[in-house]
Amino acid sequence: MKLVIVTGASKGLGLAISKKLIANSYKVVGISRSVGEFSQLKVDYPEQAFFYDYDFSNTKGISDLVKRLVKEHGRPYGLVNNAAVGHDGVLATMHENDINQLITTNITSPIFLTKYVTRSMLLNQCGRIINVGSIIGSTGFNGLSVYGASKSALSGFTKSLAREVGKANITVNTLAPGYMETAMTSGLQGEKLQSIKRRSPLGRLARVEDAASAAIFLLSESASSITGTTLTVDAGSTA
């Protein structure tokens, strides 16, 4: 049974990806600050769902975390870098601590985690890495300049890393969801929400399940020739 690590697995997209991985006979190690809704997966699928609590605003314990995961579960086949924070606000008035936390959680930690997980994939001579970006990384949105910068950084990371590890049969791709109905977008109401829906040819937000299905595809053998690219799931809003 192939092992996939999913960060930010307790809710939203990370939880949806974890559920679909289990349904497709993968073994899942979920990592989040708290177990949240992932706890039910542990109960329902004790042989497939495992959880570790970790706060990715701290980078110092990532190496030890990966060593523990490999020791207890073996070398991972896949990594989904999904954990992120989404502080919004105008840059001029955004607190430096919020900026630093966002950059550490959204850029530095996934790079560190990938660094250590990739070592196992190189030994296996195969693997799948998915960096969860956002359409904000390429389109921009008022009040999300730092968040957008972090997602653009992940896209750049994807392209160069894909070249580094490709000869070891490891693919690296960015999954770029549009606005979805998650906790991170729960503050979008009224006219702002309607304007986003109007931009979509489908007249709605992308569903979390749609983005999760795209992640399953990128992890599959069917996507073995897809690397260094971005798969956008946004109900067509960037068309």
Protein backbone atom coordinates (compact mmCIF):
# COMPACT_ATOMS: atom_id res chain seq x y z
CA MET A 1 0.00 0.00 0.00
CA LYS A 2 1.56 3.30 -1.11
CA LEU A 3 2.10 5.92 1.60
CA VAL A 4 1.17 9.56 1.00
CA ILE A 5 1.83 12.41 3.44
CA VAL A 6 -0.78 15.17 3.46
CA THR A 7 -0.22 18.39 5.41
CA GLY A 8 -3.12 20.50 6.58
CA ALA A 9 -5.14 17.29 6.67
CA SER A 10 -7.62 18.11 9.44
CA LYS A 11 -10.10 20.07 7.31
CA GLY A 12 -10.89 21.54 3.91
CA LEU A 13 -8.89 20.39 0.90
CA GLY A 14 -6.38 18.38 2.94
CA LEU A 15 -9.17 16.34 4.51
CA ALA A 16 -10.89 15.82 1.15
CA ILE A 17 -7.62 14.62 -0.41
CA SER A 18 -7.07 12.26 2.53
CA LYS A 19 -10.54 10.76 2.11
CA LYS A 20 -10.04 10.19 -1.61
CA LEU A 21 -6.61 8.67 -1.03
CA ILE A 22 -8.09 6.16 1.39
CA ALA A 23 -10.89 5.38 -1.08
CA ASN A 24 -8.19 4.68 -3.67
CA SER A 25 -6.32 2.27 -1.36
CA TYR A 26 -3.48 4.55 -0.30
CA LYS A 27 -2.09 4.74 3.22
CA VAL A 28 -2.31 8.32 4.53
CA VAL A 29 -0.27 10.16 7.12
CA GLY A 30 -2.06 13.41 7.91
CA ILE A 31 -0.22 16.28 9.57
CA SER A 32 -1.90 19.35 11.09
CA ARG A 33 -1.79 21.49 14.21
CA SER A 34 -4.82 19.59 15.54
CA VAL A 35 -6.51 16.38 14.45
CA GLY A 36 -9.93 17.96 13.71
CA GLU A 37 -12.15 15.93 11.39
CA PHE A 38 -9.27 13.59 10.52
CA SER A 39 -10.02 11.81 13.81
CA GLN A 40 -12.99 10.08 12.18
CA LEU A 41 -10.78 8.70 9.42
CA LYS A 42 -8.51 7.18 12.07
CA VAL A 43 -11.53 5.46 13.62
CA ASP A 44 -13.01 4.27 10.33
CA TYR A 45 -9.73 3.24 8.66
CA PRO A 46 -7.22 2.31 11.40
CA GLU A 47 -4.97 0.48 8.92
CA GLN A 48 -4.86 3.37 6.43
CA ALA A 49 -5.17 6.67 8.31
CA PHE A 50 -2.50 7.94 10.69
CA PHE A 51 -2.06 11.38 12.21
CA TYR A 52 0.74 13.53 13.61
CA ASP A 53 0.25 16.97 15.10
CA TYR A 54 2.74 19.60 13.98
CA ASP A 55 2.68 23.39 13.60
CA PHE A 56 4.43 24.41 10.40
CA SER A 57 5.03 27.93 11.67
CA ASN A 58 8.00 26.20 13.36
CA THR A 59 10.62 24.72 11.04
CA LYS A 60 13.07 23.32 13.60
CA GLY A 61 11.31 19.99 14.15
CA ILE A 62 10.62 19.07 10.52
CA SER A 63 13.71 16.88 10.07
CA ASP A 64 12.92 14.87 13.21
CA LEU A 65 9.26 14.58 12.16
CA VAL A 66 10.20 13.03 8.82
CA LYS A 67 12.66 10.64 10.48
CA ARG A 68 9.88 9.49 12.81
CA LEU A 69 7.40 9.04 9.95
CA VAL A 70 9.82 6.98 7.88
CA LYS A 71 10.79 4.85 10.87
CA GLU A 72 7.16 4.12 11.77
CA HIS A 73 5.59 3.85 8.30
CA GLY A 74 8.36 3.36 5.77
CA ARG A 75 9.42 5.52 2.86
CA PRO A 76 6.64 7.69 1.44
CA TYR A 77 5.52 7.50 -2.18
CA GLY A 78 3.75 10.86 -2.20
CA LEU A 79 3.76 14.25 -0.49
CA VAL A 80 0.97 16.82 -0.68
CA ASN A 81 2.15 20.20 0.64
CA ASN A 82 -1.26 21.63 1.49
CA ALA A 83 -0.84 23.29 4.92
CA ALA A 84 -1.06 27.08 4.67
CA VAL A 85 -2.26 30.16 6.47
CA GLY A 86 -4.22 32.86 4.69
CA HIS A 87 -3.84 36.12 6.58
CA ASP A 88 -5.50 38.80 4.49
CA GLY A 89 -5.04 42.53 4.78
CA VAL A 90 -3.51 45.50 3.04
CA LEU A 91 0.28 45.18 3.06
CA ALA A 92 0.87 48.67 4.48
CA THR A 93 -1.01 47.83 7.68
CA MET A 94 -0.23 44.11 7.95
CA HIS A 95 1.74 43.19 11.07
CA GLU A 96 5.28 41.95 10.50
CA ASN A 97 4.63 38.90 12.68
CA ASP A 98 1.73 37.89 10.42
CA ILE A 99 3.90 38.33 7.34
CA ASN A 100 6.69 36.22 8.83
CA GLN A 101 4.30 33.50 9.96
CA LEU A 102 2.70 33.31 6.52
CA ILE A 103 6.04 33.08 4.72
CA THR A 104 7.37 30.43 7.13
CA THR A 105 4.22 28.30 6.99
CA ASN A 106 3.49 28.68 3.28
CA ILE A 107 7.02 28.66 1.80
CA THR A 108 9.85 27.70 4.16
CA SER A 109 8.16 24.74 5.84
CA PRO A 110 7.00 23.01 2.65
CA ILE A 111 10.50 23.41 1.21
CA PHE A 112 12.08 21.91 4.33
CA LEU A 113 9.53 19.08 4.45
CA THR A 114 10.08 18.31 0.77
CA LYS A 115 13.86 18.34 1.29
CA TYR A 116 13.68 15.52 3.83
CA VAL A 117 10.86 13.52 2.23
CA THR A 118 12.58 13.65 -1.15
CA ARG A 119 15.53 11.70 0.27
CA SER A 120 13.28 8.66 0.69
CA MET A 121 11.85 9.10 -2.79
CA LEU A 122 15.35 9.27 -4.27
CA LEU A 123 16.19 5.96 -2.57
CA ASN A 124 12.98 4.47 -3.96
CA GLN A 125 13.63 5.98 -7.40
CA CYS A 126 10.00 7.05 -7.63
CA GLY A 127 7.61 9.50 -6.04
CA ARG A 128 4.97 12.18 -6.40
CA ILE A 129 5.10 15.70 -4.95
CA ILE A 130 2.15 18.08 -5.12
CA ASN A 131 2.51 21.68 -3.98
CA VAL A 132 -0.90 23.23 -3.38
CA GLY A 133 -0.78 26.72 -4.81
CA SER A 134 -3.63 29.05 -5.71
CA ILE A 135 -4.87 31.03 -8.67
CA ILE A 136 -4.07 34.09 -6.51
CA GLY A 137 -0.41 33.34 -7.20
CA SER A 138 -0.94 34.31 -10.84
CA THR A 139 -4.04 36.53 -10.89
CA GLY A 140 -3.69 38.59 -7.72
CA PHE A 141 -6.44 39.72 -5.35
CA ASN A 142 -6.87 42.83 -3.26
CA GLY A 143 -5.66 42.25 0.30
CA LEU A 144 -3.83 39.01 -0.47
CA SER A 145 -0.43 40.28 -1.66
CA VAL A 146 1.68 38.27 0.80
CA TYR A 147 -0.46 35.15 0.41
CA GLY A 148 -0.20 35.54 -3.37
CA ALA A 149 3.57 35.90 -3.10
CA SER A 150 3.78 32.67 -1.11
CA LYS A 151 1.77 30.74 -3.69
CA SER A 152 3.84 32.15 -6.56
CA ALA A 153 6.95 30.99 -4.71
CA LEU A 154 5.62 27.43 -4.54
CA SER A 155 4.98 27.44 -8.29
CA GLY A 156 8.58 28.46 -8.94
CA PHE A 157 9.77 25.81 -6.49
CA THR A 158 7.76 23.19 -8.40
CA LYS A 159 9.37 23.95 -11.75
CA SER A 160 13.00 23.81 -10.65
CA LEU A 161 12.55 20.84 -8.30
CA ALA A 162 10.88 18.90 -11.12
CA ARG A 163 14.14 19.25 -13.08
CA GLU A 164 16.25 18.20 -10.09
CA VAL A 165 14.44 14.95 -9.31
CA GLY A 166 12.95 13.91 -12.65
CA LYS A 167 15.68 11.38 -13.46
CA ALA A 168 14.68 9.51 -10.28
CA ASN A 169 11.14 9.10 -11.63
CA ILE A 170 9.79 11.69 -9.19
CA THR A 171 7.17 14.13 -10.48
CA VAL A 172 6.55 17.56 -8.97
CA ASN A 173 3.45 19.58 -9.80
CA THR A 174 1.43 22.50 -8.50
CA LEU A 175 -2.28 22.14 -7.87
CA ALA A 176 -3.83 25.61 -8.12
CA PRO A 177 -7.39 25.74 -6.81
CA GLY A 178 -9.61 28.73 -7.26
CA TYR A 179 -11.93 29.98 -4.55
CA MET A 180 -13.56 27.03 -2.86
CA GLU A 181 -16.03 26.76 -0.03
CA THR A 182 -13.55 26.15 2.82
CA ALA A 183 -12.79 27.69 6.21
CA MET A 184 -10.21 29.95 4.55
CA THR A 185 -12.86 31.56 2.33
CA SER A 186 -15.69 31.55 4.88
CA GLY A 187 -15.39 35.33 5.25
CA LEU A 188 -16.37 35.86 1.63
CA GLN A 189 -20.01 36.88 1.61
CA GLY A 190 -22.37 39.17 -0.24
CA GLU A 191 -21.18 41.04 -3.30
CA LYS A 192 -17.57 39.89 -3.09
CA LEU A 193 -18.69 36.25 -3.24
CA GLN A 194 -21.14 36.95 -6.06
CA SER A 195 -18.47 38.75 -8.11
CA ILE A 196 -16.21 35.70 -7.84
CA LYS A 197 -19.03 33.42 -8.95
CA ARG A 198 -19.82 35.72 -11.91
CA ARG A 199 -16.23 35.39 -13.16
CA SER A 200 -16.68 31.65 -13.48
CA PRO A 201 -18.10 30.32 -16.77
CA LEU A 202 -19.83 27.69 -14.61
CA GLY A 203 -21.35 30.37 -12.38
CA ARG A 204 -20.08 28.84 -9.13
CA LEU A 205 -17.05 28.27 -6.96
CA ALA A 206 -14.87 25.21 -7.52
CA ARG A 207 -15.72 22.34 -5.19
CA VAL A 208 -13.18 20.97 -2.75
CA GLU A 209 -13.90 17.50 -4.11
CA ASP A 210 -12.93 18.67 -7.61
CA ALA A 211 -9.50 19.80 -6.44
CA ALA A 212 -9.08 16.61 -4.39
CA SER A 213 -9.82 14.51 -7.48
CA ALA A 214 -7.16 16.44 -9.38
CA ALA A 215 -4.66 15.63 -6.64
CA ILE A 216 -5.50 11.91 -6.88
CA PHE A 217 -4.90 12.08 -10.63
CA LEU A 218 -1.47 13.72 -10.16
CA LEU A 219 -0.51 10.99 -7.69
CA SER A 220 -1.58 8.21 -10.04
CA GLU A 221 0.32 6.27 -12.70
CA SER A 222 -1.84 8.01 -15.31
CA ALA A 223 0.06 11.24 -14.51
CA SER A 224 3.54 9.71 -14.76
CA SER A 225 4.51 12.02 -17.64
CA ILE A 226 3.16 15.19 -16.05
CA THR A 227 5.75 17.19 -14.10
CA GLY A 228 6.83 20.76 -13.55
CA THR A 229 3.40 22.12 -14.39
CA THR A 230 0.32 23.66 -12.77
CA LEU A 231 -3.10 22.03 -12.78
CA THR A 232 -5.74 24.69 -12.20
CA VAL A 233 -9.13 23.81 -10.71
CA ASP A 234 -11.15 27.02 -10.51
CA ALA A 235 -14.48 26.46 -12.29
CA GLY A 236 -12.97 28.42 -15.19
CA SER A 237 -12.62 31.75 -13.40
CA THR A 238 -9.15 32.39 -14.90
CA ALA A 239 -10.29 31.49 -18.44
